Amino acid sequence: MPPPRTRGTALRQRLAELRGPEVPAKALDARALAALAANPGCRRRALLDGAGVDKTALAGALGSPSAFGQSQFAFMRGNAFEARVKADGGAELLRLVHERLDPSAEPPSGAAVPDLAAIGPEGRAARTALALREAAESGGWALLDHPMLALDVAGSPAFLEPDAVVVHPDGRWTVVEIKSFPMLDGSADPAKVGAAARQSAVYVLALEEVAARLEPVPEVHHRVLLVCPKDFSNLPTAAAVDVRKQRAVTRRQLTRLTRIEEIADSLPEGTCFAPDLPREQLAEAVQSLPATYAPECLAACELAFHCRSHAREEGEVTSLGRSARAELGGLTTVEDVLAAAHGRAGDPEDPAVAALRRAADLRAEALATAAARREGAACP
């Protein structure tokens, strides 16, 4: 009699069934994880990302192709710049780390660059943990190129691959994020820097999980090194970015995520998100997962156009933005809002209802005044 399947094996089997037969899992990267943490109430994204569903292919099959993502040109430019930064054993990268984050340490004349090759993400994560421990014990500089880190997300491991991790001579660990957008006169686009900080905060959390398993526990630097092209050249420059705030927010939001197995167990039997299924069947499967749409999703999720279309069809106030949704309290649809504003529904003691009725009265008064002025101007 075969041994009973473990809980983890059963979950992996269930998630594979949701993806569809022979459909490979799409890895959950730090950018997607940061976006997921920014919207922890969205069960749709939590399960699809946790199951490794390719949301780009799914959005195309639903007839709402995504405009979200990086162009091929930008991808190639980023790879070329990263290769330049890491050339010669990462000499320039280590110089920037020393200059921006650890000027009191001995200048890095050379560094260990351990081989992190292994079979599968689990093997690479284990090899990375071993290399980090060895580097911390060696007392010198070390550069880990594309290490593999594991982070628990809603009860399921997510494997993350930062651009680099540097181990300092005193044993501290620093995350390095390499971007292809420029730093002009020492500063970069605040929106892009913010996105990079949120992404790096995910790596810091994953690195802290590795550190917590060692004795003594190494310090993970709360400042990450952001490396970008200088001005309009291809020469690298860098800035230290404090990610303590982003790290705290991300950790808090990740703890709020509903466990993936709970969401999966709530789905109807036979639910599948394979992109080769008929559109009607796919739409029904997607709608079985509750979504929390907001306009901010357009910059972070491949399914945003599909979710926006449904939110508008249903008249959901979330399509107006999270701030508007928060102000409207228990009024969840545009129809409810209009009914409350015109006195057809709602508790007059509710602050949201009272504000809507006051706004409707002011609007009616303004329209009446404008109409009277037009009539007066039309009289000879």
Protein backbone atom coordinates (compact mmCIF):
# COMPACT_ATOMS: atom_id res chain seq x y z
CA MET A 1 0.00 0.00 0.00
CA PRO A 2 1.56 3.33 -1.06
CA PRO A 3 2.38 5.80 1.69
CA PRO A 4 -0.04 8.71 2.06
CA ARG A 5 0.87 11.88 0.21
CA THR A 6 2.25 14.65 2.32
CA ARG A 7 0.43 17.94 2.56
CA GLY A 8 3.06 19.65 0.40
CA THR A 9 2.86 16.96 -2.30
CA ALA A 10 -0.94 17.19 -2.36
CA LEU A 11 -0.80 20.95 -2.73
CA ARG A 12 1.70 20.77 -5.59
CA GLN A 13 -0.51 18.22 -7.32
CA ARG A 14 -3.56 20.44 -6.89
CA LEU A 15 -1.74 23.49 -8.25
CA ALA A 16 -0.51 21.47 -11.24
CA GLU A 17 -4.11 20.48 -11.97
CA LEU A 18 -5.14 24.15 -11.87
CA ARG A 19 -2.40 25.11 -14.36
CA GLY A 20 -3.46 22.36 -16.73
CA PRO A 21 -1.86 19.13 -17.89
CA GLU A 22 1.66 19.54 -19.29
CA VAL A 23 1.64 23.31 -18.58
CA PRO A 24 4.94 24.31 -16.92
CA ALA A 25 4.83 26.56 -13.87
CA LYS A 26 5.82 30.18 -14.28
CA ALA A 27 8.24 31.24 -11.57
CA LEU A 28 7.09 33.92 -9.13
CA ASP A 29 9.72 36.66 -9.25
CA ALA A 30 10.32 39.52 -6.81
CA ARG A 31 8.57 42.09 -9.00
CA ALA A 32 5.39 40.01 -9.06
CA LEU A 33 5.70 39.28 -5.37
CA ALA A 34 6.02 42.99 -4.55
CA ALA A 35 2.90 43.69 -6.60
CA LEU A 36 1.07 40.85 -4.84
CA ALA A 37 2.06 42.25 -1.45
CA ALA A 38 0.72 45.65 -2.51
CA ASN A 39 -2.73 44.08 -3.05
CA PRO A 40 -2.99 41.27 -0.47
CA GLY A 41 -6.79 41.09 -0.68
CA CYS A 42 -6.75 39.84 -4.28
CA ARG A 43 -7.32 36.10 -4.05
CA ARG A 44 -7.26 35.83 -7.84
CA ARG A 45 -3.67 36.99 -8.12
CA ALA A 46 -2.58 35.10 -4.99
CA LEU A 47 -3.70 31.74 -6.36
CA LEU A 48 -2.68 32.27 -10.00
CA ASP A 49 0.79 33.41 -8.97
CA GLY A 50 1.09 30.67 -6.36
CA ALA A 51 0.07 28.03 -8.89
CA GLY A 52 2.55 29.35 -11.46
CA VAL A 53 -0.12 30.26 -14.01
CA ASP A 54 1.18 32.35 -16.92
CA LYS A 55 -1.11 35.37 -16.54
CA THR A 56 0.10 36.90 -19.83
CA ALA A 57 -1.06 33.84 -21.78
CA LEU A 58 -4.25 33.68 -19.72
CA ALA A 59 -5.08 37.34 -20.42
CA GLY A 60 -4.57 36.78 -24.16
CA ALA A 61 -6.83 33.71 -24.12
CA LEU A 62 -9.52 35.75 -22.35
CA GLY A 63 -9.41 38.39 -25.09
CA SER A 64 -7.85 41.08 -22.87
CA PRO A 65 -4.15 40.95 -23.81
CA SER A 66 -1.81 42.62 -21.37
CA ALA A 67 0.25 45.71 -22.12
CA PHE A 68 2.21 45.12 -18.93
CA GLY A 69 5.83 44.01 -19.11
CA GLN A 70 9.28 44.90 -20.38
CA SER A 71 10.07 45.38 -24.07
CA GLN A 72 12.58 43.08 -25.73
CA PHE A 73 14.87 46.05 -26.39
CA ALA A 74 14.82 47.11 -22.74
CA PHE A 75 15.45 43.50 -21.69
CA MET A 76 18.50 43.20 -23.95
CA ARG A 77 19.83 46.61 -22.86
CA GLY A 78 19.45 45.63 -19.21
CA ASN A 79 21.32 42.35 -19.73
CA ALA A 80 24.17 44.12 -21.54
CA PHE A 81 24.50 46.69 -18.76
CA GLU A 82 24.43 44.02 -16.04
CA ALA A 83 27.18 42.07 -17.85
CA ARG A 84 29.32 45.21 -17.91
CA VAL A 85 28.78 45.85 -14.19
CA LYS A 86 29.81 42.30 -13.31
CA ALA A 87 32.78 42.05 -15.68
CA ASP A 88 36.25 41.14 -14.37
CA GLY A 89 34.91 39.21 -11.42
CA GLY A 90 32.62 42.05 -10.38
CA ALA A 91 35.50 44.44 -9.72
CA GLU A 92 33.49 47.57 -10.54
CA LEU A 93 30.46 46.32 -8.62
CA LEU A 94 32.55 45.61 -5.53
CA ARG A 95 34.16 49.04 -5.80
CA LEU A 96 30.70 50.65 -5.76
CA VAL A 97 29.63 48.55 -2.76
CA HIS A 98 32.78 49.56 -0.88
CA GLU A 99 32.39 53.23 -1.81
CA ARG A 100 28.67 53.59 -1.06
CA LEU A 101 28.08 51.14 1.79
CA ASP A 102 31.31 50.09 3.51
CA PRO A 103 34.10 52.68 3.03
CA SER A 104 35.75 51.77 6.33
CA ALA A 105 36.42 48.18 5.20
CA GLU A 106 39.52 47.02 3.39
CA PRO A 107 39.18 47.89 -0.34
CA PRO A 108 38.23 44.80 -2.35
CA SER A 109 41.32 43.82 -4.34
CA GLY A 110 39.60 40.58 -5.21
CA ALA A 111 36.59 38.55 -4.16
CA ALA A 112 35.40 34.99 -4.03
CA VAL A 113 32.79 34.24 -6.71
CA PRO A 114 31.37 30.84 -5.76
CA ASP A 115 29.75 28.52 -8.27
CA LEU A 116 26.02 28.38 -7.49
CA ALA A 117 25.03 25.81 -10.09
CA ALA A 118 22.71 23.04 -8.90
CA ILE A 119 19.73 21.02 -10.10
CA GLY A 120 16.37 22.74 -9.76
CA PRO A 121 15.42 25.80 -7.71
CA GLU A 122 15.50 23.86 -4.44
CA GLY A 123 19.04 22.69 -5.17
CA ARG A 124 20.18 26.17 -6.16
CA ALA A 125 18.64 27.65 -2.99
CA ALA A 126 20.48 25.09 -0.85
CA ARG A 127 23.76 25.77 -2.71
CA THR A 128 23.27 29.52 -2.22
CA ALA A 129 22.71 29.09 1.52
CA LEU A 130 25.90 27.03 1.78
CA ALA A 131 27.90 29.61 -0.22
CA LEU A 132 26.61 32.45 1.97
CA ARG A 133 27.64 30.62 5.13
CA GLU A 134 31.09 29.83 3.78
CA ALA A 135 31.59 33.42 2.60
CA ALA A 136 30.52 34.85 5.95
CA GLU A 137 33.03 32.57 7.74
CA SER A 138 35.91 33.38 5.37
CA GLY A 139 36.29 37.01 6.47
CA GLY A 140 36.75 38.41 2.97
CA TRP A 141 34.73 39.92 0.15
CA ALA A 142 32.48 37.59 -1.83
CA LEU A 143 30.15 38.11 -4.78
CA LEU A 144 27.21 35.78 -5.37
CA ASP A 145 26.03 36.22 -8.95
CA HIS A 146 22.30 35.49 -9.34
CA PRO A 147 21.85 33.48 -6.14
CA MET A 148 18.60 31.62 -5.51
CA LEU A 149 16.58 32.50 -2.42
CA ALA A 150 13.38 30.94 -1.09
CA LEU A 151 10.58 32.87 0.61
CA ASP A 152 7.40 31.42 2.07
CA VAL A 153 4.36 33.05 0.45
CA ALA A 154 0.94 32.03 1.73
CA GLY A 155 2.22 28.60 2.67
CA SER A 156 4.02 27.94 -0.62
CA PRO A 157 7.72 28.57 -1.37
CA ALA A 158 8.60 31.27 -3.91
CA PHE A 159 12.08 31.09 -5.43
CA LEU A 160 13.66 34.48 -6.05
CA GLU A 161 16.81 35.45 -7.95
CA PRO A 162 18.36 38.82 -7.10
CA ASP A 163 20.96 40.27 -9.45
CA ALA A 164 23.68 39.81 -6.83
CA VAL A 165 24.42 39.51 -3.14
CA VAL A 166 27.71 40.81 -1.73
CA VAL A 167 29.23 39.44 1.49
CA HIS A 168 31.36 42.03 3.34
CA PRO A 169 34.56 41.18 5.25
CA ASP A 170 32.68 41.61 8.56
CA GLY A 171 30.10 39.01 7.46
CA ARG A 172 27.25 41.37 6.49
CA TRP A 173 25.14 40.62 3.43
CA THR A 174 24.02 43.26 0.91
CA VAL A 175 21.46 42.93 -1.88
CA VAL A 176 22.47 44.50 -5.21
CA GLU A 177 19.80 45.56 -7.71
CA ILE A 178 20.96 46.48 -11.24
CA LYS A 179 18.64 48.59 -13.40
CA SER A 180 19.02 50.06 -16.88
CA PHE A 181 17.25 53.39 -16.19
CA PRO A 182 19.73 56.27 -15.82
CA MET A 183 20.84 58.30 -12.83
CA LEU A 184 21.04 61.91 -13.98
CA ASP A 185 23.24 64.14 -11.82
CA GLY A 186 23.12 61.54 -9.07
CA SER A 187 19.34 61.02 -8.98
CA ALA A 188 16.88 58.83 -10.85
CA ASP A 189 13.14 58.75 -11.56
CA PRO A 190 11.51 58.50 -8.08
CA ALA A 191 8.79 56.15 -9.34
CA LYS A 192 11.36 53.74 -10.77
CA VAL A 193 13.53 53.96 -7.67
CA GLY A 194 10.47 53.22 -5.53
CA ALA A 195 9.63 50.15 -7.61
CA ALA A 196 13.23 48.95 -7.34
CA ALA A 197 13.15 49.48 -3.56
CA ARG A 198 9.96 47.41 -3.19
CA GLN A 199 11.48 44.65 -5.31
CA SER A 200 14.73 44.72 -3.32
CA ALA A 201 12.79 44.58 -0.05
CA VAL A 202 11.46 41.17 -1.11
CA TYR A 203 15.03 39.95 -1.60
CA VAL A 204 16.01 41.31 1.81
CA LEU A 205 13.17 39.36 3.43
CA ALA A 206 14.23 36.17 1.66
CA LEU A 207 17.88 36.74 2.62
CA GLU A 208 16.86 37.23 6.25
CA GLU A 209 15.18 33.82 6.21
CA VAL A 210 18.49 32.27 5.12
CA ALA A 211 20.41 34.22 7.80
CA ALA A 212 18.00 33.13 10.53
CA ARG A 213 19.03 29.50 10.01
CA LEU A 214 22.71 30.20 10.69
CA GLU A 215 24.58 30.59 13.97
CA PRO A 216 25.67 33.27 14.64
CA VAL A 217 23.01 35.08 12.60
CA PRO A 218 24.65 37.30 9.94
CA GLU A 219 23.40 40.85 9.53
CA VAL A 220 21.44 41.59 6.36
CA HIS A 221 22.06 45.21 5.39
CA HIS A 222 18.89 47.34 5.45
CA ARG A 223 20.38 49.45 2.66
CA VAL A 224 20.60 47.90 -0.81
CA LEU A 225 22.86 49.06 -3.62
CA LEU A 226 21.00 50.33 -6.67
CA VAL A 227 23.29 50.34 -9.73
CA CYS A 228 22.28 52.32 -12.83
CA PRO A 229 23.91 53.91 -15.90
CA LYS A 230 25.48 57.29 -15.18
CA ASP A 231 23.78 60.16 -17.03
CA PHE A 232 23.49 59.19 -20.72
CA SER A 233 26.46 56.83 -20.77
CA ASN A 234 26.79 53.10 -20.18
CA LEU A 235 29.11 53.66 -17.22
CA PRO A 236 27.77 52.34 -13.90
CA THR A 237 27.05 54.49 -10.89
CA ALA A 238 25.24 53.58 -7.69
CA ALA A 239 23.23 54.80 -4.74
CA ALA A 240 22.46 53.23 -1.38
CA VAL A 241 18.68 52.87 -0.89
CA ASP A 242 17.21 52.32 2.57
CA VAL A 243 14.43 49.72 2.23
CA ARG A 244 13.38 49.37 5.88
CA LYS A 245 9.98 50.91 5.22
CA GLN A 246 9.32 48.80 2.12
CA ARG A 247 10.52 45.69 3.95
CA ALA A 248 8.16 46.27 6.88
CA VAL A 249 5.18 46.95 4.59
CA THR A 250 5.91 43.90 2.44
CA ARG A 251 6.28 41.60 5.45
CA ARG A 252 3.00 42.88 6.94
CA GLN A 253 1.14 42.45 3.66
CA LEU A 254 2.50 38.96 3.04
CA THR A 255 1.25 37.83 6.45
CA ARG A 256 -2.24 38.96 5.41
CA LEU A 257 -2.34 36.71 2.35
CA THR A 258 -4.81 33.87 2.60
CA ARG A 259 -3.05 30.52 2.39
CA ILE A 260 -3.06 29.21 -1.14
CA GLU A 261 -4.52 25.81 -0.22
CA GLU A 262 -7.55 27.52 1.34
CA ILE A 263 -8.23 29.41 -1.89
CA ALA A 264 -7.68 26.30 -4.00
CA ASP A 265 -10.06 24.25 -1.83
CA SER A 266 -12.81 26.86 -2.34
CA LEU A 267 -12.82 26.43 -6.14
CA PRO A 268 -15.33 24.21 -7.95
CA GLU A 269 -14.11 20.74 -8.87
CA GLY A 270 -12.45 20.63 -12.27
CA THR A 271 -11.42 24.30 -12.33
CA CYS A 272 -8.50 24.79 -14.71
CA PHE A 273 -6.65 27.82 -16.10
CA ALA A 274 -4.90 26.21 -19.08
CA PRO A 275 -4.78 28.88 -21.85
CA ASP A 276 -5.83 26.42 -24.57
CA LEU A 277 -9.29 25.94 -23.03
CA PRO A 278 -12.38 27.63 -24.60
CA ARG A 279 -12.69 31.30 -23.67
CA GLU A 280 -16.05 30.84 -21.95
CA GLN A 281 -14.66 28.08 -19.73
CA LEU A 282 -11.60 30.14 -18.87
CA ALA A 283 -13.72 33.20 -18.05
CA GLU A 284 -15.89 31.10 -15.73
CA ALA A 285 -12.81 29.71 -14.00
CA VAL A 286 -11.28 33.16 -13.52
CA GLN A 287 -14.54 34.61 -12.19
CA SER A 288 -14.67 31.85 -9.57
CA LEU A 289 -11.70 33.61 -7.94
CA PRO A 290 -12.58 36.88 -6.16
CA ALA A 291 -10.50 39.83 -7.35
CA THR A 292 -9.73 43.17 -5.74
CA TYR A 293 -9.26 45.46 -8.73
CA ALA A 294 -7.91 48.99 -8.48
CA PRO A 295 -6.49 51.29 -11.20
CA GLU A 296 -3.02 50.69 -9.73
CA CYS A 297 -3.26 47.11 -11.03
CA LEU A 298 -2.78 48.41 -14.59
CA ALA A 299 0.91 48.98 -13.84
CA ALA A 300 1.48 45.70 -12.02
CA CYS A 301 -0.75 42.85 -13.24
CA GLU A 302 -1.22 41.13 -16.58
CA LEU A 303 -4.93 40.49 -15.90
CA ALA A 304 -5.69 44.14 -15.09
CA PHE A 305 -7.61 44.86 -18.32
CA HIS A 306 -9.83 41.81 -17.83
CA CYS A 307 -10.51 42.66 -14.18
CA ARG A 308 -11.18 46.33 -15.03
CA SER A 309 -13.71 45.36 -17.69
CA HIS A 310 -15.58 43.13 -15.24
CA ALA A 311 -15.44 45.76 -12.48
CA ARG A 312 -16.97 48.33 -14.81
CA GLU A 313 -19.67 45.95 -15.97
CA GLU A 314 -20.60 45.26 -12.37
CA GLY A 315 -20.41 48.96 -11.45
CA GLU A 316 -17.86 48.30 -8.69
CA VAL A 317 -16.53 51.44 -7.03
CA THR A 318 -13.06 49.87 -6.86
CA SER A 319 -12.67 50.92 -10.49
CA LEU A 320 -12.61 54.52 -9.23
CA GLY A 321 -9.53 53.91 -7.08
CA ARG A 322 -8.70 52.70 -3.59
CA SER A 323 -9.05 56.15 -2.02
CA ALA A 324 -12.59 56.56 -3.39
CA ARG A 325 -13.45 53.02 -2.27
CA ALA A 326 -12.23 53.79 1.25
CA GLU A 327 -14.27 57.01 1.44
CA LEU A 328 -17.50 55.29 0.36
CA GLY A 329 -17.60 52.78 3.23
CA GLY A 330 -20.29 50.15 2.71
CA LEU A 331 -21.35 51.47 -0.70
CA THR A 332 -19.75 48.99 -3.07
CA THR A 333 -21.39 49.79 -6.43
CA VAL A 334 -21.89 52.97 -8.45
CA GLU A 335 -25.65 52.28 -8.40
CA ASP A 336 -25.59 52.25 -4.57
CA VAL A 337 -23.62 55.51 -4.54
CA LEU A 338 -26.08 57.29 -6.86
CA ALA A 339 -29.07 55.98 -4.92
CA ALA A 340 -27.56 57.23 -1.65
CA ALA A 341 -26.69 60.61 -3.16
CA HIS A 342 -30.27 61.18 -4.36
CA GLY A 343 -31.93 60.00 -1.17
CA ARG A 344 -33.28 56.72 -2.53
CA ALA A 345 -31.20 54.54 -0.22
CA GLY A 346 -28.70 54.68 2.59
CA ASP A 347 -28.68 55.73 6.22
CA PRO A 348 -28.69 59.55 6.52
CA GLU A 349 -26.53 59.19 9.65
CA ASP A 350 -23.81 57.44 7.66
CA PRO A 351 -21.01 60.00 7.06
CA ALA A 352 -20.46 58.73 3.51
CA VAL A 353 -24.16 59.01 2.68
CA ALA A 354 -24.41 62.47 4.25
CA ALA A 355 -21.39 63.68 2.25
CA LEU A 356 -22.83 62.29 -0.98
CA ARG A 357 -26.18 64.00 -0.42
CA ARG A 358 -24.49 67.29 0.39
CA ALA A 359 -22.41 66.96 -2.79
CA ALA A 360 -25.55 66.20 -4.83
CA ASP A 361 -27.32 69.26 -3.39
CA LEU A 362 -24.36 71.49 -4.21
CA ARG A 363 -24.21 70.11 -7.73
CA ALA A 364 -27.92 70.69 -8.29
CA GLU A 365 -27.59 74.22 -6.93
CA ALA A 366 -24.62 74.97 -9.19
CA LEU A 367 -26.44 73.62 -12.25
CA ALA A 368 -29.54 75.66 -11.45
CA THR A 369 -27.47 78.84 -11.05
CA ALA A 370 -25.67 78.22 -14.35
CA ALA A 371 -28.97 77.59 -16.14
CA ALA A 372 -30.48 80.82 -14.74
CA ARG A 373 -27.45 82.79 -15.92
CA ARG A 374 -27.77 81.33 -19.41
CA GLU A 375 -31.46 82.24 -19.56
CA GLY A 376 -30.70 85.77 -18.37
CA ALA A 377 -28.00 86.22 -20.96
CA ALA A 378 -30.38 85.00 -23.68
CA CYS A 379 -33.05 87.63 -22.86
CA PRO A 380 -32.86 90.85 -24.96
